[in-house]
Protein backbone atom coordinates (compact mmCIF):
# COMPACT_ATOMS: atom_id res chain seq x y z
CA MET A 1 -22.84 5.14 0.25
CA SER A 2 -19.73 7.08 1.06
CA SER A 3 -16.56 5.52 2.40
CA ARG A 4 -17.14 6.96 5.80
CA GLU A 5 -20.71 5.71 5.95
CA SER A 6 -19.66 2.24 4.76
CA ILE A 7 -17.47 1.57 7.71
CA LEU A 8 -19.77 2.64 10.41
CA PRO A 9 -21.84 -0.54 10.70
CA TYR A 10 -18.60 -2.49 10.39
CA SER A 11 -16.72 -0.96 13.31
CA ARG A 12 -17.13 -2.79 16.64
CA GLN A 13 -20.51 -4.24 15.88
CA GLY A 14 -19.47 -7.84 15.80
CA SER A 15 -21.46 -8.64 12.55
CA ALA A 16 -20.18 -8.97 9.03
CA LEU A 17 -21.94 -7.56 5.96
CA ALA A 18 -22.58 -10.11 3.23
CA MET A 19 -20.94 -9.01 0.01
CA ASP A 20 -22.36 -9.59 -3.41
CA SER A 21 -20.04 -12.03 -5.22
CA SER A 22 -19.94 -9.85 -8.22
CA SER A 23 -18.10 -7.16 -6.29
CA ALA A 24 -15.07 -9.37 -5.73
CA GLN A 25 -12.07 -8.18 -7.55
CA GLU A 26 -10.39 -10.53 -10.02
CA GLY A 27 -7.60 -12.51 -8.49
CA GLU A 28 -8.71 -11.71 -4.92
CA LEU A 29 -10.15 -14.21 -2.40
CA THR A 30 -13.73 -15.15 -3.11
CA HIS A 31 -17.02 -15.65 -1.15
CA PRO A 32 -18.43 -13.66 1.76
CA ILE A 33 -17.46 -14.59 5.33
CA LEU A 34 -21.15 -14.81 6.22
CA SER A 35 -23.97 -15.78 4.05
CA ASN A 36 -27.08 -13.58 3.71
CA HIS A 37 -29.37 -15.97 5.53
CA ARG A 38 -27.08 -16.28 8.52
CA SER A 39 -27.90 -14.39 11.69
CA SER A 40 -25.34 -11.96 13.10
CA PRO A 41 -25.23 -12.28 16.91
CA ALA A 42 -22.97 -10.12 19.00
CA VAL A 43 -19.41 -11.45 18.99
CA GLN A 44 -18.00 -12.34 22.33
CA LEU A 45 -14.53 -10.78 22.59
CA PRO A 46 -11.68 -13.08 23.47
CA PRO A 47 -9.99 -12.66 26.82
CA GLY A 48 -7.00 -11.30 25.02
CA ASP A 49 -6.51 -7.68 23.82
CA ALA A 50 -9.35 -6.80 21.56
CA VAL A 51 -8.98 -3.82 19.29
CA SER A 52 -10.35 -0.88 21.14
CA SER A 53 -12.23 2.09 19.47
CA GLU A 54 -10.94 4.46 22.07
CA LEU A 55 -8.20 5.92 19.81
CA GLU A 56 -10.72 6.37 16.91
CA GLU A 57 -13.15 8.06 19.14
CA ILE A 58 -10.59 10.53 20.53
CA LEU A 59 -9.36 11.40 16.91
CA SER A 60 -12.94 11.98 15.93
CA ASP A 61 -13.94 14.07 19.03
CA THR A 62 -14.41 17.61 17.62
CA SER A 63 -15.28 18.78 21.13
CA LEU A 64 -11.55 18.62 22.03
CA SER A 65 -9.03 20.95 20.59
CA PHE A 66 -6.55 19.66 18.02
CA PHE A 67 -3.69 19.83 20.51
CA ARG A 68 -5.67 17.98 23.17
CA ARG A 69 -6.72 15.28 20.67
CA GLN A 70 -3.25 14.66 19.60
CA GLN A 71 -1.91 14.70 23.19
CA LYS A 72 -4.41 11.94 24.33
CA ALA A 73 -4.00 9.98 20.99
CA VAL A 74 -0.20 9.93 21.18
CA ALA A 75 -0.23 8.60 24.76
CA ILE A 76 -2.59 5.71 23.78
CA GLU A 77 -0.74 4.92 20.59
CA LEU A 78 2.72 4.93 22.29
CA TYR A 79 1.54 2.48 24.89
CA SER A 80 0.11 0.08 22.30
CA LEU A 81 3.20 0.46 20.08
CA PHE A 82 5.89 -0.22 22.63
CA ARG A 83 3.86 -3.01 24.24
CA LEU A 84 4.13 -4.71 20.85
CA ALA A 85 7.55 -3.56 19.61
CA GLY A 86 9.49 -4.11 22.84
CA PRO A 87 8.88 -7.91 23.16
CA ALA A 88 9.06 -8.26 19.37
CA ILE A 89 12.54 -6.73 19.30
CA ILE A 90 13.53 -9.08 22.15
CA VAL A 91 12.24 -12.19 20.22
CA TYR A 92 14.22 -11.31 17.11
CA LEU A 93 17.38 -10.49 19.00
CA LEU A 94 17.28 -13.64 21.04
CA ASN A 95 16.63 -15.80 18.05
CA ASN A 96 19.59 -14.12 16.32
CA VAL A 97 21.75 -14.69 19.32
CA THR A 98 20.77 -18.37 19.46
CA SER A 99 22.03 -18.91 15.99
CA MET A 100 25.21 -16.80 16.65
CA SER A 101 26.02 -18.82 19.79
CA THR A 102 26.21 -21.99 17.73
CA GLN A 103 28.59 -20.18 15.36
CA ILE A 104 30.74 -19.09 18.38
CA PHE A 105 30.91 -22.59 19.81
CA CYS A 106 31.94 -23.88 16.48
CA GLY A 107 34.65 -21.23 16.18
CA HIS A 108 36.26 -22.60 19.32
CA LEU A 109 36.61 -26.01 17.69
CA GLY A 110 38.93 -24.47 14.92
CA ASN A 111 39.08 -22.05 12.02
CA LEU A 112 37.57 -24.68 9.67
CA GLN A 113 34.63 -25.31 11.90
CA LEU A 114 34.12 -21.53 12.14
CA ALA A 115 34.20 -21.08 8.40
CA ALA A 116 31.69 -23.95 8.00
CA ALA A 117 29.26 -22.75 10.54
CA SER A 118 29.44 -19.29 9.07
CA LEU A 119 28.67 -20.54 5.59
CA GLY A 120 25.73 -22.65 6.93
CA ASN A 121 24.31 -19.80 9.13
CA ASN A 122 24.96 -16.82 6.91
CA GLY A 123 24.45 -18.45 3.63
CA VAL A 124 22.01 -21.37 3.17
CA GLN A 125 20.20 -20.91 6.55
CA LEU A 126 19.69 -17.16 5.91
CA PHE A 127 18.22 -18.03 2.41
CA ALA A 128 15.63 -20.36 3.93
CA TYR A 129 15.00 -18.02 6.83
CA GLY A 130 14.05 -15.28 4.44
CA VAL A 131 11.83 -17.44 2.33
CA MET A 132 9.95 -18.85 5.36
CA LEU A 133 9.67 -15.50 7.21
CA GLY A 134 8.45 -13.80 4.01
CA MET A 135 5.81 -16.38 3.35
CA GLY A 136 4.72 -16.30 6.92
CA SER A 137 4.05 -12.56 6.58
CA ALA A 138 0.83 -13.28 4.73
CA VAL A 139 -0.59 -14.47 8.11
CA GLU A 140 0.11 -10.93 9.44
CA THR A 141 -2.17 -9.37 6.89
CA LEU A 142 -5.10 -11.81 7.14
CA CYS A 143 -4.93 -12.54 10.80
CA GLY A 144 -4.37 -8.93 11.70
CA GLN A 145 -7.42 -7.76 9.74
CA ALA A 146 -9.57 -10.65 10.71
CA TYR A 147 -8.83 -9.96 14.38
CA GLY A 148 -9.74 -6.40 14.02
CA ALA A 149 -13.01 -7.36 12.28
CA GLN A 150 -13.67 -9.68 15.14
CA GLN A 151 -13.72 -12.79 12.93
CA PHE A 152 -11.73 -14.66 15.58
CA GLU A 153 -12.17 -18.19 14.56
CA MET A 154 -10.71 -17.37 11.19
CA LEU A 155 -7.24 -16.86 12.72
CA GLY A 156 -6.81 -20.54 13.47
CA ILE A 157 -7.71 -21.50 9.90
CA TYR A 158 -5.21 -18.98 8.55
CA LEU A 159 -2.50 -20.31 10.89
CA GLN A 160 -3.03 -23.88 9.66
CA ARG A 161 -3.32 -22.94 5.95
CA SER A 162 0.00 -21.05 6.19
CA THR A 163 1.76 -23.87 8.05
CA ILE A 164 0.62 -26.31 5.28
CA LEU A 165 1.98 -24.15 2.61
CA LEU A 166 5.26 -23.47 4.39
CA MET A 167 5.74 -27.15 5.16
CA ALA A 168 5.27 -27.84 1.38
CA THR A 169 7.83 -25.13 0.61
CA ALA A 170 10.29 -26.63 2.98
CA ILE A 171 10.51 -29.85 0.92
CA PRO A 172 12.25 -28.29 -2.17
CA LEU A 173 14.37 -26.20 0.18
CA MET A 174 15.44 -29.41 1.90
CA PHE A 175 17.11 -30.54 -1.31
CA LEU A 176 19.11 -27.35 -1.42
CA TYR A 177 20.48 -28.46 1.94
CA ILE A 178 21.01 -32.03 0.81
CA PHE A 179 23.01 -30.92 -2.27
CA SER A 180 24.87 -28.11 -0.47
CA LYS A 181 28.32 -29.69 -1.02
CA PRO A 182 28.24 -29.57 -4.86
CA LEU A 183 26.63 -26.24 -4.79
CA LEU A 184 29.33 -24.79 -2.57
CA LEU A 185 32.04 -26.28 -4.80
CA LEU A 186 30.28 -24.76 -7.78
CA ILE A 187 30.62 -21.21 -6.38
CA GLY A 188 34.31 -21.71 -5.80
CA GLN A 189 34.58 -22.93 -2.21
CA SER A 190 37.54 -25.34 -1.36
CA LYS A 191 36.75 -28.96 -0.97
CA GLU A 192 37.73 -28.92 2.67
CA ILE A 193 35.40 -26.03 3.56
CA ALA A 194 32.54 -27.32 1.35
CA ALA A 195 32.68 -30.75 2.95
CA ALA A 196 32.63 -29.32 6.54
CA ALA A 197 29.90 -26.75 5.73
CA SER A 198 27.67 -29.37 4.17
CA LEU A 199 28.04 -31.62 7.24
CA PHE A 200 26.81 -28.62 9.27
CA ILE A 201 23.98 -27.89 6.92
CA TYR A 202 22.76 -31.49 7.02
CA GLY A 203 22.01 -30.94 10.67
CA LEU A 204 19.91 -27.94 9.87
CA ILE A 205 17.40 -29.79 7.78
CA PRO A 206 14.97 -30.20 10.64
CA GLN A 207 15.27 -26.56 11.27
CA ILE A 208 13.63 -25.72 7.82
CA PHE A 209 10.36 -27.43 9.05
CA ALA A 210 10.66 -25.69 12.46
CA TYR A 211 10.73 -22.38 10.49
CA ALA A 212 7.60 -23.52 8.61
CA ALA A 213 5.69 -24.03 11.87
CA ASN A 214 7.25 -21.15 13.89
CA PHE A 215 6.58 -18.12 11.70
CA PRO A 216 2.82 -18.69 11.14
CA ILE A 217 2.49 -19.31 14.91
CA GLN A 218 4.53 -16.19 15.68
CA LYS A 219 2.40 -13.98 13.35
CA PHE A 220 -0.84 -15.54 14.68
CA LEU A 221 0.12 -14.48 18.18
CA GLN A 222 1.38 -11.14 17.13
CA ALA A 223 -1.88 -10.28 15.31
CA GLN A 224 -3.68 -10.65 18.66
CA SER A 225 -1.03 -8.44 20.44
CA ILE A 226 0.21 -11.53 22.23
CA VAL A 227 4.01 -11.07 22.22
CA ASN A 228 5.34 -11.50 25.76
CA PRO A 229 4.93 -15.37 25.78
CA SER A 230 7.20 -15.59 22.62
CA ALA A 231 9.80 -13.45 24.26
CA TYR A 232 9.81 -15.56 27.48
CA ILE A 233 10.07 -18.75 25.42
CA ALA A 234 12.94 -17.41 23.28
CA ALA A 235 14.88 -16.35 26.41
CA ALA A 236 14.38 -19.62 28.19
CA MET A 237 15.40 -21.59 25.04
CA LEU A 238 18.50 -19.47 24.61
CA VAL A 239 19.75 -20.61 28.00
CA VAL A 240 18.88 -24.26 27.23
CA HIS A 241 20.48 -24.04 23.79
CA VAL A 242 23.75 -22.66 25.17
CA ILE A 243 23.96 -25.45 27.84
CA PHE A 244 23.02 -28.13 25.47
CA SER A 245 25.44 -26.83 22.82
CA TYR A 246 28.33 -26.82 25.24
CA VAL A 247 27.61 -30.40 26.45
CA ALA A 248 27.15 -31.66 22.82
CA LEU A 249 30.31 -30.13 21.56
CA TYR A 250 32.83 -30.22 24.39
CA ILE A 251 31.67 -33.16 26.47
CA TRP A 252 29.98 -35.50 23.97
CA GLY A 253 32.23 -34.45 21.10
CA TRP A 254 29.40 -34.36 18.51
CA GLY A 255 31.26 -31.89 16.22
CA LEU A 256 29.67 -29.78 13.52
CA LEU A 257 26.78 -32.07 12.84
CA GLY A 258 25.93 -32.17 16.59
CA ALA A 259 26.05 -28.34 16.81
CA SER A 260 23.53 -27.87 13.99
CA LEU A 261 21.30 -30.64 15.29
CA VAL A 262 21.17 -28.96 18.67
CA LEU A 263 20.23 -25.71 16.82
CA SER A 264 17.37 -27.45 15.01
CA PHE A 265 16.22 -28.98 18.32
CA SER A 266 16.17 -25.64 19.97
CA TRP A 267 13.94 -24.21 17.18
CA TRP A 268 11.55 -27.17 17.40
CA ALA A 269 11.36 -26.65 21.20
CA ILE A 270 10.37 -22.99 20.59
CA VAL A 271 7.68 -24.22 18.13
CA VAL A 272 6.25 -26.79 20.56
CA ALA A 273 6.25 -24.37 23.52
CA GLN A 274 4.38 -21.71 21.56
CA PHE A 275 1.78 -24.19 20.23
CA VAL A 276 1.22 -25.53 23.79
CA TYR A 277 0.59 -21.94 24.86
CA ILE A 278 -1.94 -21.44 22.08
CA VAL A 279 -3.76 -24.62 22.92
CA LYS A 280 -3.83 -24.05 26.66
CA SER A 281 -4.09 -20.25 27.00
CA ASP A 282 -7.46 -18.52 27.61
CA ARG A 283 -6.33 -15.61 25.44
CA THR A 284 -6.42 -17.78 22.32
CA LYS A 285 -9.54 -19.86 23.11
CA GLU A 286 -11.60 -17.84 20.60
CA THR A 287 -8.97 -17.81 17.88
CA TRP A 288 -7.83 -21.39 18.09
CA THR A 289 -10.69 -23.87 17.99
CA GLY A 290 -8.77 -26.99 16.95
CA PHE A 291 -7.57 -28.46 13.63
CA SER A 292 -9.94 -28.09 10.61
CA VAL A 293 -10.10 -29.61 7.11
CA GLN A 294 -10.96 -26.07 5.94
CA ALA A 295 -7.27 -25.28 6.08
CA PHE A 296 -6.80 -27.50 2.99
CA SER A 297 -9.10 -25.30 0.84
CA GLY A 298 -8.23 -22.10 -0.87
CA LEU A 299 -4.50 -22.89 -0.81
CA TRP A 300 -3.86 -21.23 -4.26
CA ALA A 301 -5.15 -17.86 -3.26
CA PHE A 302 -3.29 -17.99 -0.02
CA LEU A 303 -0.13 -19.02 -1.86
CA LYS A 304 -0.29 -16.04 -4.10
CA LEU A 305 -0.34 -13.70 -1.10
CA SER A 306 2.43 -15.72 0.77
CA THR A 307 4.64 -15.68 -2.41
CA ALA A 308 4.36 -11.92 -2.84
CA SER A 309 5.31 -11.61 0.83
CA ALA A 310 8.38 -13.92 0.45
CA VAL A 311 9.50 -12.10 -2.77
CA MET A 312 9.15 -8.73 -1.02
CA LEU A 313 11.40 -9.79 1.91
CA CYS A 314 13.92 -11.99 -0.02
CA LEU A 315 14.69 -9.24 -2.46
CA GLU A 316 15.87 -7.09 0.44
CA THR A 317 17.84 -9.80 2.30
CA TRP A 318 19.55 -11.01 -0.83
CA TYR A 319 20.60 -7.46 -1.84
CA PHE A 320 23.28 -7.17 0.77
CA GLN A 321 24.55 -10.67 -0.05
CA ILE A 322 24.99 -9.70 -3.67
CA LEU A 323 26.90 -6.66 -2.65
CA ILE A 324 29.22 -8.79 -0.54
CA LEU A 325 29.88 -11.02 -3.62
CA ILE A 326 30.58 -7.88 -5.68
CA ALA A 327 33.13 -6.82 -3.01
CA GLY A 328 35.02 -10.00 -3.53
CA LEU A 329 35.93 -8.83 -7.03
CA LEU A 330 37.63 -5.58 -5.82
CA PRO A 331 41.47 -5.26 -6.18
CA ASN A 332 42.12 -5.54 -2.36
CA PRO A 333 39.01 -7.79 -1.49
CA GLU A 334 40.17 -8.84 2.03
CA ILE A 335 39.99 -5.33 3.57
CA ALA A 336 36.80 -4.42 1.58
CA LEU A 337 35.09 -7.70 2.66
CA ASP A 338 36.14 -7.39 6.29
CA SER A 339 34.99 -3.73 6.51
CA LEU A 340 31.68 -4.55 4.82
CA ALA A 341 31.22 -7.59 7.14
CA VAL A 342 31.68 -5.35 10.19
CA CYS A 343 29.43 -2.62 8.93
CA GLY A 344 26.82 -5.31 7.87
CA THR A 345 26.98 -6.84 11.39
CA ILE A 346 26.33 -3.47 12.97
CA LEU A 347 23.52 -2.66 10.53
CA GLY A 348 21.95 -6.15 11.20
CA TRP A 349 21.88 -5.70 14.91
CA VAL A 350 20.32 -2.26 14.68
CA LEU A 351 17.92 -3.68 12.03
CA MET A 352 16.57 -6.08 14.76
CA ILE A 353 15.13 -2.94 16.44
CA SER A 354 13.50 -1.86 13.18
CA ILE A 355 12.08 -5.28 12.54
CA GLY A 356 10.52 -5.10 15.99
CA PHE A 357 8.83 -1.80 14.85
CA ASN A 358 8.00 -3.45 11.57
CA ALA A 359 6.02 -6.16 13.44
CA ALA A 360 4.26 -3.59 15.54
CA ALA A 361 3.45 -1.42 12.49
CA SER A 362 1.89 -4.42 10.73
CA VAL A 363 -0.17 -5.53 13.68
CA ARG A 364 -1.38 -1.95 14.52
CA VAL A 365 -2.38 -1.13 10.97
CA SER A 366 -4.05 -4.45 10.14
CA ASN A 367 -5.89 -4.47 13.42
CA GLU A 368 -7.28 -0.92 12.93
CA LEU A 369 -8.17 -1.45 9.34
CA GLY A 370 -9.94 -4.71 10.16
CA ALA A 371 -11.82 -2.88 13.05
CA GLY A 372 -12.96 -0.20 10.61
CA HIS A 373 -10.75 2.60 12.09
CA PRO A 374 -9.25 4.67 9.33
CA LYS A 375 -8.01 7.59 11.46
CA SER A 376 -6.44 5.21 14.03
CA ALA A 377 -4.58 3.30 11.21
CA ALA A 378 -3.24 6.58 9.73
CA PHE A 379 -2.30 7.90 13.18
CA ALA A 380 -0.54 4.50 14.06
CA VAL A 381 1.62 4.85 10.85
CA VAL A 382 2.75 8.28 11.88
CA VAL A 383 3.59 7.42 15.49
CA VAL A 384 5.40 4.20 14.74
CA THR A 385 7.42 5.72 11.91
CA LEU A 386 8.44 8.74 14.02
CA SER A 387 9.32 6.47 16.99
CA SER A 388 11.43 4.17 14.91
CA PHE A 389 13.21 7.03 13.34
CA VAL A 390 14.04 8.62 16.62
CA VAL A 391 15.57 5.34 17.87
CA ALA A 392 17.53 4.95 14.64
CA LEU A 393 18.77 8.60 14.96
CA ILE A 394 20.10 7.93 18.50
CA CYS A 395 21.91 4.78 17.19
CA ALA A 396 23.42 6.73 14.26
CA ILE A 397 24.69 9.44 16.59
CA ILE A 398 26.26 6.89 18.84
CA LEU A 399 27.83 5.16 15.88
CA LEU A 400 29.42 8.35 14.56
CA ALA A 401 30.74 9.31 17.98
CA THR A 402 32.51 5.87 18.21
CA ARG A 403 33.46 5.50 14.53
CA HIS A 404 37.22 5.29 15.26
CA VAL A 405 36.96 2.67 17.95
CA ILE A 406 33.78 0.56 17.30
CA SER A 407 35.47 -1.81 14.66
CA TYR A 408 37.89 -2.98 17.45
CA ALA A 409 35.09 -4.97 18.96
CA PHE A 410 35.23 -7.15 15.82
CA THR A 411 38.93 -7.02 14.79
CA GLU A 412 42.28 -5.89 16.04
CA GLY A 413 43.52 -4.93 12.46
CA GLU A 414 44.23 -1.21 12.02
CA ALA A 415 43.59 -1.31 8.29
CA VAL A 416 40.07 -2.70 8.73
CA ALA A 417 39.36 -0.30 11.55
CA ASN A 418 40.33 2.69 9.16
CA ALA A 419 38.19 1.26 6.41
CA VAL A 420 35.30 0.86 8.81
CA SER A 421 35.70 4.49 9.95
CA GLU A 422 35.56 5.72 6.42
CA LEU A 423 32.36 3.66 5.80
CA THR A 424 30.69 4.91 9.13
CA PRO A 425 29.00 8.02 7.63
CA LEU A 426 27.38 5.93 4.98
CA LEU A 427 26.52 3.35 7.57
CA ALA A 428 24.81 5.98 9.71
CA VAL A 429 22.76 7.10 6.74
CA SER A 430 21.70 3.43 6.19
CA ILE A 431 20.70 3.18 9.88
CA LEU A 432 18.47 6.33 9.51
CA LEU A 433 16.91 4.88 6.35
CA ASN A 434 16.40 1.50 8.16
CA GLY A 435 14.57 3.52 10.84
CA ILE A 436 11.85 4.26 8.25
CA GLN A 437 11.90 1.61 5.50
CA PRO A 438 11.23 -1.54 7.49
CA VAL A 439 8.32 0.22 9.32
CA LEU A 440 6.78 1.29 6.01
CA SER A 441 7.17 -2.36 4.81
CA GLY A 442 5.21 -3.39 7.93
CA VAL A 443 2.56 -0.93 7.08
CA ALA A 444 2.52 -2.55 3.58
CA VAL A 445 2.07 -6.04 5.04
CA GLY A 446 -0.82 -4.72 7.33
CA CYS A 447 -2.46 -3.26 4.25
CA GLY A 448 -1.75 -6.27 1.92
CA TRP A 449 0.46 -4.35 -0.45
CA GLN A 450 3.12 -7.15 -0.67
CA ALA A 451 3.07 -7.52 -4.41
CA PHE A 452 3.45 -3.68 -4.97
CA VAL A 453 6.45 -3.50 -2.56
CA ALA A 454 8.07 -6.53 -4.36
CA TYR A 455 7.97 -4.51 -7.63
CA VAL A 456 9.43 -1.44 -5.83
CA ASN A 457 12.22 -3.65 -4.39
CA VAL A 458 13.18 -4.97 -7.75
CA GLY A 459 13.43 -1.52 -9.27
CA CYS A 460 15.21 0.17 -6.35
CA TYR A 461 17.62 -2.49 -5.44
CA TYR A 462 18.43 -4.40 -8.63
CA VAL A 463 17.75 -1.82 -11.30
CA VAL A 464 19.29 1.22 -9.38
CA GLY A 465 21.23 0.05 -6.25
CA VAL A 466 23.41 -2.77 -7.60
CA PRO A 467 24.42 -1.10 -10.91
CA LEU A 468 25.10 2.10 -9.11
CA GLY A 469 27.24 0.33 -6.51
CA VAL A 470 29.27 -1.48 -9.36
CA LEU A 471 29.78 1.73 -11.24
CA LEU A 472 30.99 3.71 -8.20
CA ALA A 473 33.22 0.85 -7.08
CA PHE A 474 34.86 -0.10 -10.37
CA LYS A 475 34.51 2.77 -12.78
CA PHE A 476 35.17 5.56 -10.30
CA ASN A 477 37.40 3.48 -7.99
CA PHE A 478 35.51 4.21 -4.82
CA GLY A 479 35.87 0.55 -3.67
CA ALA A 480 33.83 -0.49 -0.69
CA LYS A 481 32.55 3.09 -0.31
CA GLY A 482 31.17 2.88 -3.84
CA ILE A 483 29.39 -0.43 -3.07
CA TRP A 484 27.82 0.89 0.03
CA SER A 485 26.81 4.05 -1.79
CA GLY A 486 24.85 1.93 -4.15
CA LEU A 487 23.11 0.32 -1.13
CA VAL A 488 22.24 3.74 0.23
CA GLY A 489 21.03 4.86 -3.23
CA GLY A 490 18.70 1.91 -3.52
CA MET A 491 17.42 2.26 0.01
CA THR A 492 16.86 5.98 -0.43
CA MET A 493 14.85 5.46 -3.56
CA GLN A 494 12.76 2.72 -1.90
CA THR A 495 12.07 4.64 1.22
CA THR A 496 11.07 7.70 -0.74
CA ILE A 497 8.52 5.76 -2.84
CA LEU A 498 7.10 3.99 0.24
CA LEU A 499 6.83 7.41 2.03
CA TRP A 500 5.05 8.94 -0.88
CA VAL A 501 2.65 6.02 -1.34
CA THR A 502 1.88 5.97 2.40
CA PHE A 503 1.30 9.67 2.50
CA ARG A 504 -1.16 9.60 -0.36
CA THR A 505 -3.05 6.65 0.99
CA ASP A 506 -6.79 6.93 1.32
CA TRP A 507 -7.29 5.19 4.64
CA TYR A 508 -11.11 5.06 4.29
CA LYS A 509 -10.59 3.11 1.07
CA GLU A 510 -8.06 0.80 2.75
CA VAL A 511 -10.74 0.00 5.46
CA ASP A 512 -13.21 -0.95 2.68
CA GLN A 513 -10.60 -3.11 1.10
CA ALA A 514 -9.70 -4.72 4.37
CA ARG A 515 -13.45 -5.50 4.90
CA ASN A 516 -13.64 -6.89 1.49
CA ARG A 517 -10.60 -9.13 2.04
CA VAL A 518 -12.03 -10.47 5.36
CA ASN A 519 -15.57 -11.01 4.07
CA GLN A 520 -14.40 -12.84 0.99
CA TRP A 521 -13.28 -15.69 3.14
CA GLN A 522 -16.59 -17.60 3.74
CA HIS A 523 -17.05 -19.16 7.15
CA VAL A 524 -19.90 -21.62 6.90
CA LYS A 525 -19.34 -24.88 8.56
CA GLY A 526 -18.89 -27.71 5.99
CA GLU A 527 -18.28 -25.43 3.10
CA PRO A 528 -14.87 -24.67 1.60
CA LEU A 529 -13.44 -21.25 2.40
CA LEU A 530 -12.37 -20.72 -1.16
CA ASN A 531 -13.27 -22.19 -4.50
CA ASN A 532 -10.14 -23.32 -6.17
């Protein structure tokens, strides 16, 4: 049977084909989702946004001219894309502002408190955030493909299983927070800053476990194209957080510990609000059927995919932190660090837009693959990549036009402003690359390529990017420009590889692999989903 023939009975029929267990690839998840003896009644679509076959039908309609097919397909895909990407961008921006507002409030308490909050937010907290968000990305792959395949009840199992694994991962991360003071002293921080920062970090311990619950919930909802509720909740909680932080710090006088405890409370409030929505909403009544002991089976196979997802993301987030540490070794480190910090902040804000497109790409690709729509998946990749690149191009043009004044939004120092102006062309190139690379990473998550991308990140960032930056900065005396050039070199190499792999992808084969991945999770009541 050809690849095209094999997906026909799979697309939009509401039944799953039982797989022979011998066809399961080694190291993959095992058992068919339906046994051979089980009947396959028509699946009732949930009241949410089920994956439509309209796009696939248009792309396959040879009675239309090529131009007319593309015209209609672009209109449909752009609607689906921005309905996902817009709220996702808002969620990530609001979550970022929530953490930043705590840092701003602490800054008004004094310079020591600002340094402590900055170390806590941008150091230890960012590390935990990357690990948890990365591990939570496994839910994007499995929930997205299961939703496209109309195996709706499996989404709740994946959500619970991911939450269990992330809660277990939060325990060793908690000890990193508990022993943060000696660790900060070990890397050269003063006793005063280490003591203040560790106090702030202690209050962030509950936040680790909030991350463990939040990211699986967030990905669970995104896989079903349910993104607006998360944006509304994030917006409401930002207002509550700002008010509560002001009262806690300036009226009750809770200090650094109080500031971080309020931040932890705000994250837990977001988790509770989202979970209440899942339990009460009609849009999730088919995908959330209650707690199940099945969530405790098959954890090892789920852990492997989650770990690959975490490694993929963490290797990217740690890359810039390593370059900042290298900048501290330059002859004039203050100017270099300040200029890199300004450029990094600008890049981080623009990256929030790309991360929104990343989430949209992951959902669109995984849904279409799960639904057995190879042409739609390929078309979604093209549209989301071009859309993200156009937005990044506009941002880069604006940045270049304001290169001589934009740094004054962060500092009044002329030396730093000049250094930022010199780095701006490289920053613009980085923004353009970030218009493509995160989207392709989202495609990788949608396809389940996390392990491959992790290897690519190791080679591009740590074998090429970091050594190149060190060589240019110290051997050829390019300073901060040399370090950032290494960043651009690593990103360019990574983006080129991901573009090439995506371009050569056989989407019919990806549909078959998505079907295999979904079908290998057995769904028979009373039986484990996976054999350990």
